[in-house]
Structure formats: C-alpha cells, structure tokens
Amino acid sequence: MTLPLTTGRVPVSKAVKIILGIVFLFSSAGKIIDPGAFAAIVANYQLLPPQLVTATAVVFPWVEALCGLALVCGWLDEGAALLIGLMMVAFIGITIYNGYRGLDIACGCFSLSAREPSSIVWNTLRDLVILAAAVWVLADSAHRHPGVASRPSRRV
C-alpha cells in the first residue's frame, strides 16, 4: 500500500517539510540569541558534565537552525529530516528518563524560561508528532527516489 503524498496540486510532503523547517527555525532562534539561558536549561537536565553544557548550548541551536533552513529551502532534505528524527528520538528518551528520575524540567524547546510549565506527556506527544513529520519527509524522499539508497556502490 502506498500513501497518497499529494492532495490536489499542493504536495502534502512539501507542506510538511516547510512546516517542520519553520518549527525548527523558530525553536532555535531564542537559543541562538541567548545561549546563556539555554545553557542553564541544558544544565538542569543533569545529563552532561559541566564542561559540555556551554558547548552544547552554543552548537545545538545552530544544528536546529540549519536543519530548519535546509527543509524550508529544499536543501539536503533527507539529511535534515534524519538529524531531526534522531534529535526527536533523543529528546523523547531524555524526557522519559527525567520523568523516571522525578525531575520536572522546562524543556527549553520554544521558551527559555526555567518556569515554563512542563508536562512529560505533552512534551513526549509533541516530539512524537515532530518525529512522525521527519519520518514522513524521509518516506517521501524514498518514494520520490526509489532505489537510490539501495544501489550498490561501485568498487574500483
């Protein structure tokens, strides 16, 4: 069974890519502008050694922004969607793990306020929707370019 990936003249997959890209551009903006506030949120997760918190808070938002820009502009869609999918798997795992540890941490996804209300269920569901969108982009790419990933490499 194949999924209909278009509705009328507007490709659904293109809309999914653009919306996903905009979400990541929006999410990264505040973190890029105020890496110190984002570093405080990263530190609250208690997962990284202090030496890596600042580097993560500086580099990570740029990865989000580049992935978002790539999807909006149509550059390297598959790579951007794959990175976003991997980030979502990590975020889902981290959210569940911190819930298990009893930590109620503002996720830092769209707000840098440490007082942002947090809900493990809401954050997990949101991340699952974003993961589904990334998988959709990857599936659409495979649908548009069948056999590209399965082509054997030529040995010289």
Protein backbone atom coordinates (compact mmCIF):
# COMPACT_ATOMS: atom_id res chain seq x y z
CA MET A 1 0.00 0.00 0.00
CA THR A 2 1.31 3.42 -0.86
CA LEU A 3 0.39 6.60 0.94
CA PRO A 4 -1.04 9.41 -1.14
CA LEU A 5 1.59 12.08 -0.68
CA THR A 6 -0.22 14.83 -2.54
CA THR A 7 -3.60 16.50 -2.27
CA GLY A 8 -4.70 18.22 -5.43
CA ARG A 9 -1.95 20.45 -6.72
CA VAL A 10 -0.27 21.14 -3.39
CA PRO A 11 2.11 18.40 -2.28
CA VAL A 12 1.43 17.50 1.32
CA SER A 13 5.03 16.45 1.75
CA LYS A 14 6.30 19.86 0.73
CA ALA A 15 3.99 21.46 3.28
CA VAL A 16 5.19 19.03 5.96
CA LYS A 17 8.82 19.86 5.13
CA ILE A 18 8.25 23.60 5.25
CA ILE A 19 6.23 23.48 8.49
CA LEU A 20 8.83 21.23 10.12
CA GLY A 21 11.58 23.59 8.98
CA ILE A 22 9.76 26.64 10.34
CA VAL A 23 9.22 24.87 13.68
CA PHE A 24 12.96 24.25 13.97
CA LEU A 25 13.89 27.76 12.86
CA PHE A 26 11.50 29.20 15.44
CA SER A 27 12.73 26.82 18.14
CA SER A 28 16.38 27.68 17.53
CA ALA A 29 16.01 31.47 17.41
CA GLY A 30 15.76 32.18 21.13
CA LYS A 31 18.54 29.73 21.93
CA ILE A 32 20.87 31.38 19.41
CA ILE A 33 20.05 34.84 20.77
CA ASP A 34 20.51 33.85 24.43
CA PRO A 35 22.83 30.84 24.73
CA GLY A 36 23.36 31.55 28.43
CA ALA A 37 19.69 30.97 29.26
CA PHE A 38 19.70 27.84 27.13
CA ALA A 39 22.85 26.63 28.89
CA ALA A 40 21.02 26.93 32.22
CA ILE A 41 18.23 24.72 30.88
CA VAL A 42 20.73 22.19 29.47
CA ALA A 43 22.44 22.09 32.88
CA ASN A 44 19.09 21.45 34.60
CA TYR A 45 18.78 18.15 32.73
CA GLN A 46 21.78 16.89 34.75
CA LEU A 47 22.95 14.68 31.88
CA LEU A 48 26.12 16.42 30.68
CA PRO A 49 29.31 17.23 32.53
CA PRO A 50 29.61 20.98 33.18
CA GLN A 51 32.41 21.24 30.59
CA LEU A 52 29.99 20.24 27.80
CA VAL A 53 26.97 22.32 28.81
CA THR A 54 28.13 25.60 27.24
CA ALA A 55 29.37 23.96 24.05
CA THR A 56 26.08 22.10 23.69
CA ALA A 57 24.09 25.29 24.32
CA VAL A 58 26.06 27.13 21.63
CA VAL A 59 26.29 24.43 18.94
CA PHE A 60 22.96 22.65 19.26
CA PRO A 61 20.68 25.59 18.32
CA TRP A 62 22.72 26.14 15.15
CA VAL A 63 22.20 22.49 14.19
CA GLU A 64 18.46 23.01 14.71
CA ALA A 65 18.53 26.21 12.65
CA LEU A 66 20.49 24.63 9.80
CA CYS A 67 18.13 21.65 9.70
CA GLY A 68 15.16 24.01 9.64
CA LEU A 69 16.70 26.15 6.91
CA ALA A 70 17.56 23.08 4.85
CA LEU A 71 13.95 21.88 4.96
CA VAL A 72 12.46 25.29 4.17
CA CYS A 73 14.87 25.86 1.26
CA GLY A 74 14.78 22.29 -0.03
CA TRP A 75 18.49 21.62 0.51
CA LEU A 76 19.61 18.22 1.76
CA ASP A 77 16.07 17.35 2.88
CA GLU A 78 16.91 13.77 3.74
CA GLY A 79 19.89 14.66 5.91
CA ALA A 80 17.97 17.38 7.75
CA ALA A 81 14.98 15.10 8.32
CA LEU A 82 17.26 12.31 9.54
CA LEU A 83 19.01 14.64 12.02
CA ILE A 84 15.66 15.95 13.24
CA GLY A 85 14.37 12.41 13.64
CA LEU A 86 17.44 11.41 15.64
CA MET A 87 17.10 14.51 17.81
CA MET A 88 13.45 13.65 18.50
CA VAL A 89 14.32 10.09 19.49
CA ALA A 90 16.93 11.50 21.88
CA PHE A 91 14.52 14.12 23.27
CA ILE A 92 11.80 11.53 23.83
CA GLY A 93 14.26 9.29 25.66
CA ILE A 94 15.60 12.18 27.75
CA THR A 95 12.09 13.36 28.64
CA ILE A 96 11.00 9.90 29.75
CA TYR A 97 14.27 9.33 31.62
CA ASN A 98 13.97 12.61 33.52
CA GLY A 99 10.35 11.80 34.33
CA TYR A 100 11.51 8.48 35.72
CA ARG A 101 14.10 10.34 37.82
CA GLY A 102 11.36 12.64 39.13
CA LEU A 103 12.80 15.76 37.51
CA ASP A 104 10.29 18.31 36.24
CA ILE A 105 12.41 20.41 33.89
CA ALA A 106 11.31 23.09 31.46
CA CYS A 107 12.27 21.54 28.15
CA GLY A 108 13.74 24.69 26.57
CA CYS A 109 12.17 23.80 23.25
CA PHE A 110 10.29 27.01 22.49
CA SER A 111 10.88 29.07 25.63
CA LEU A 112 13.99 29.72 27.67
CA SER A 113 12.03 30.33 30.86
CA ALA A 114 13.00 27.92 33.61
CA ARG A 115 9.48 28.45 34.95
CA GLU A 116 7.85 27.19 31.76
CA PRO A 117 5.24 24.62 32.75
CA SER A 118 6.46 21.16 31.86
CA SER A 119 4.46 18.06 31.06
CA ILE A 120 6.20 14.81 30.28
CA VAL A 121 3.12 13.55 28.43
CA TRP A 122 2.70 16.75 26.38
CA ASN A 123 6.41 17.01 25.55
CA THR A 124 6.55 13.35 24.52
CA LEU A 125 3.44 13.61 22.34
CA ARG A 126 4.74 16.80 20.69
CA ASP A 127 8.09 15.15 20.00
CA LEU A 128 6.34 12.07 18.58
CA VAL A 129 4.42 14.30 16.16
CA ILE A 130 7.65 16.00 15.09
CA LEU A 131 9.31 12.59 14.73
CA ALA A 132 6.40 11.44 12.55
CA ALA A 133 6.85 14.52 10.35
CA ALA A 134 10.56 13.79 9.96
CA VAL A 135 9.79 10.16 9.06
CA TRP A 136 7.20 11.43 6.55
CA VAL A 137 9.86 13.57 4.85
CA LEU A 138 12.23 10.58 4.71
CA ALA A 139 9.48 8.28 3.38
CA ASP A 140 8.54 10.83 0.74
CA SER A 141 12.16 11.07 -0.34
CA ALA A 142 12.35 7.29 -0.65
CA HIS A 143 9.08 7.35 -2.60
CA ARG A 144 10.35 10.04 -4.98
CA HIS A 145 13.77 8.41 -5.42
CA PRO A 146 13.18 4.65 -5.24
CA GLY A 147 16.30 2.54 -5.19
CA VAL A 148 18.73 5.38 -4.53
CA ALA A 149 19.62 4.14 -1.05
CA SER A 150 19.73 0.52 -2.16
CA ARG A 151 22.04 0.98 -5.14
CA PRO A 152 25.25 -0.98 -4.64
CA SER A 153 28.38 1.10 -4.58
CA ARG A 154 30.87 0.59 -7.36
CA ARG A 155 34.24 -0.69 -6.33
CA VAL A 156 37.23 0.40 -8.32
